[in-house]
Amino acid sequence: MMDQIRETARTAGRDPSDLHLITCAFVSILSRSPGEGRPDFVGTLDEIRCDVARAHALGVTEIVFASGFASRELRLDEYFRTLEQLRAVA
């Protein structure tokens, strides 16, 4: 997808390296895998690590992790705890 967008920019005389693809990931770290059909960025740290790698392979240049939305645990301490766990993934 991003390759097509960059090619369109190049055709229009723009510098394709100026384009960035940013995605928001509603992340939920679980102790066990939810199994087949799990949403992206929901699962074990290893599964989320694979999701991050897959996003980068698709051309994503930045991922904004939003923690607590899936579980409705919108607490600041939970948010920072999750971010600390995600440091190993990014």
Protein backbone atom coordinates (compact mmCIF):
# COMPACT_ATOMS: atom_id res chain seq x y z
CA MET A 1 0.00 0.00 0.00
CA MET A 2 2.65 2.49 1.01
CA ASP A 3 4.66 1.64 -2.10
CA GLN A 4 1.73 2.74 -4.26
CA ILE A 5 1.37 5.98 -2.32
CA ARG A 6 5.09 6.69 -2.64
CA GLU A 7 4.98 5.97 -6.37
CA THR A 8 2.07 8.40 -6.74
CA ALA A 9 4.10 11.03 -4.91
CA ARG A 10 7.11 10.36 -7.14
CA THR A 11 4.90 10.67 -10.26
CA ALA A 12 3.61 13.99 -8.95
CA GLY A 13 7.18 15.25 -8.56
CA ARG A 14 7.22 14.94 -4.77
CA ASP A 15 9.85 13.33 -2.58
CA PRO A 16 8.36 9.99 -1.46
CA SER A 17 10.69 9.83 1.55
CA ASP A 18 8.78 12.78 3.01
CA LEU A 19 5.71 10.56 3.45
CA HIS A 20 5.12 8.65 6.66
CA LEU A 21 2.49 6.06 7.49
CA ILE A 22 1.37 6.30 11.10
CA THR A 23 -1.05 3.85 12.67
CA CYS A 24 -2.80 3.71 16.01
CA ALA A 25 -2.69 0.34 17.75
CA PHE A 26 -5.29 -0.36 20.42
CA VAL A 27 -3.00 -2.71 22.28
CA SER A 28 -3.95 -5.25 24.92
CA ILE A 29 -1.20 -7.43 26.39
CA LEU A 30 -2.44 -10.82 27.56
CA SER A 31 -0.71 -13.61 29.45
CA ARG A 32 -2.16 -16.20 27.03
CA SER A 33 -2.87 -16.01 23.34
CA PRO A 34 -6.51 -15.44 22.43
CA GLY A 35 -5.91 -17.88 19.58
CA GLU A 36 -6.75 -17.86 15.92
CA GLY A 37 -8.52 -14.79 14.61
CA ARG A 38 -7.17 -12.48 17.32
CA PRO A 39 -7.18 -8.76 16.51
CA ASP A 40 -3.86 -7.13 15.67
CA PHE A 41 -1.98 -5.86 18.71
CA VAL A 42 -4.05 -8.01 21.10
CA GLY A 43 -2.22 -11.00 22.55
CA THR A 44 1.03 -11.98 24.17
CA LEU A 45 4.11 -9.79 23.90
CA ASP A 46 5.53 -12.18 21.31
CA GLU A 47 2.36 -11.89 19.22
CA ILE A 48 2.43 -8.11 19.49
CA ARG A 49 6.11 -8.16 18.50
CA CYS A 50 5.08 -10.04 15.33
CA ASP A 51 2.29 -7.50 14.72
CA VAL A 52 4.81 -4.66 14.96
CA ALA A 53 7.15 -6.41 12.50
CA ARG A 54 4.26 -7.02 10.10
CA ALA A 55 3.21 -3.35 10.30
CA HIS A 56 6.76 -2.21 9.53
CA ALA A 57 6.91 -4.63 6.58
CA LEU A 58 3.75 -2.99 5.24
CA GLY A 59 5.43 0.42 5.36
CA VAL A 60 4.27 1.76 8.72
CA THR A 61 6.85 4.26 9.97
CA GLU A 62 5.32 4.98 13.38
CA ILE A 63 2.92 3.16 15.70
CA VAL A 64 0.99 5.03 18.37
CA PHE A 65 0.08 2.53 21.08
CA ALA A 66 -3.23 3.21 22.81
CA SER A 67 -3.54 1.04 25.88
CA GLY A 68 -6.65 0.42 27.91
CA PHE A 69 -9.27 0.98 25.24
CA ALA A 70 -9.99 -2.71 24.56
CA SER A 71 -10.37 -3.52 28.26
CA ARG A 72 -11.89 -0.13 29.17
CA GLU A 73 -9.07 0.18 31.73
CA LEU A 74 -8.35 3.83 30.97
CA ARG A 75 -6.17 4.43 34.01
CA LEU A 76 -2.91 6.34 33.79
CA ASP A 77 -0.98 3.79 35.88
CA GLU A 78 -2.17 0.96 33.60
CA TYR A 79 -1.22 2.99 30.54
CA PHE A 80 2.36 3.56 31.78
CA ARG A 81 2.71 -0.09 32.85
CA THR A 82 1.73 -1.21 29.37
CA LEU A 83 4.12 1.26 27.73
CA GLU A 84 6.96 -0.15 29.81
CA GLN A 85 6.12 -3.66 28.61
CA LEU A 86 6.01 -2.43 25.01
CA ARG A 87 9.54 -0.99 25.19
CA ALA A 88 10.84 -4.52 24.59
CA VAL A 89 8.68 -4.80 21.47
CA ALA A 90 9.50 -1.54 19.71
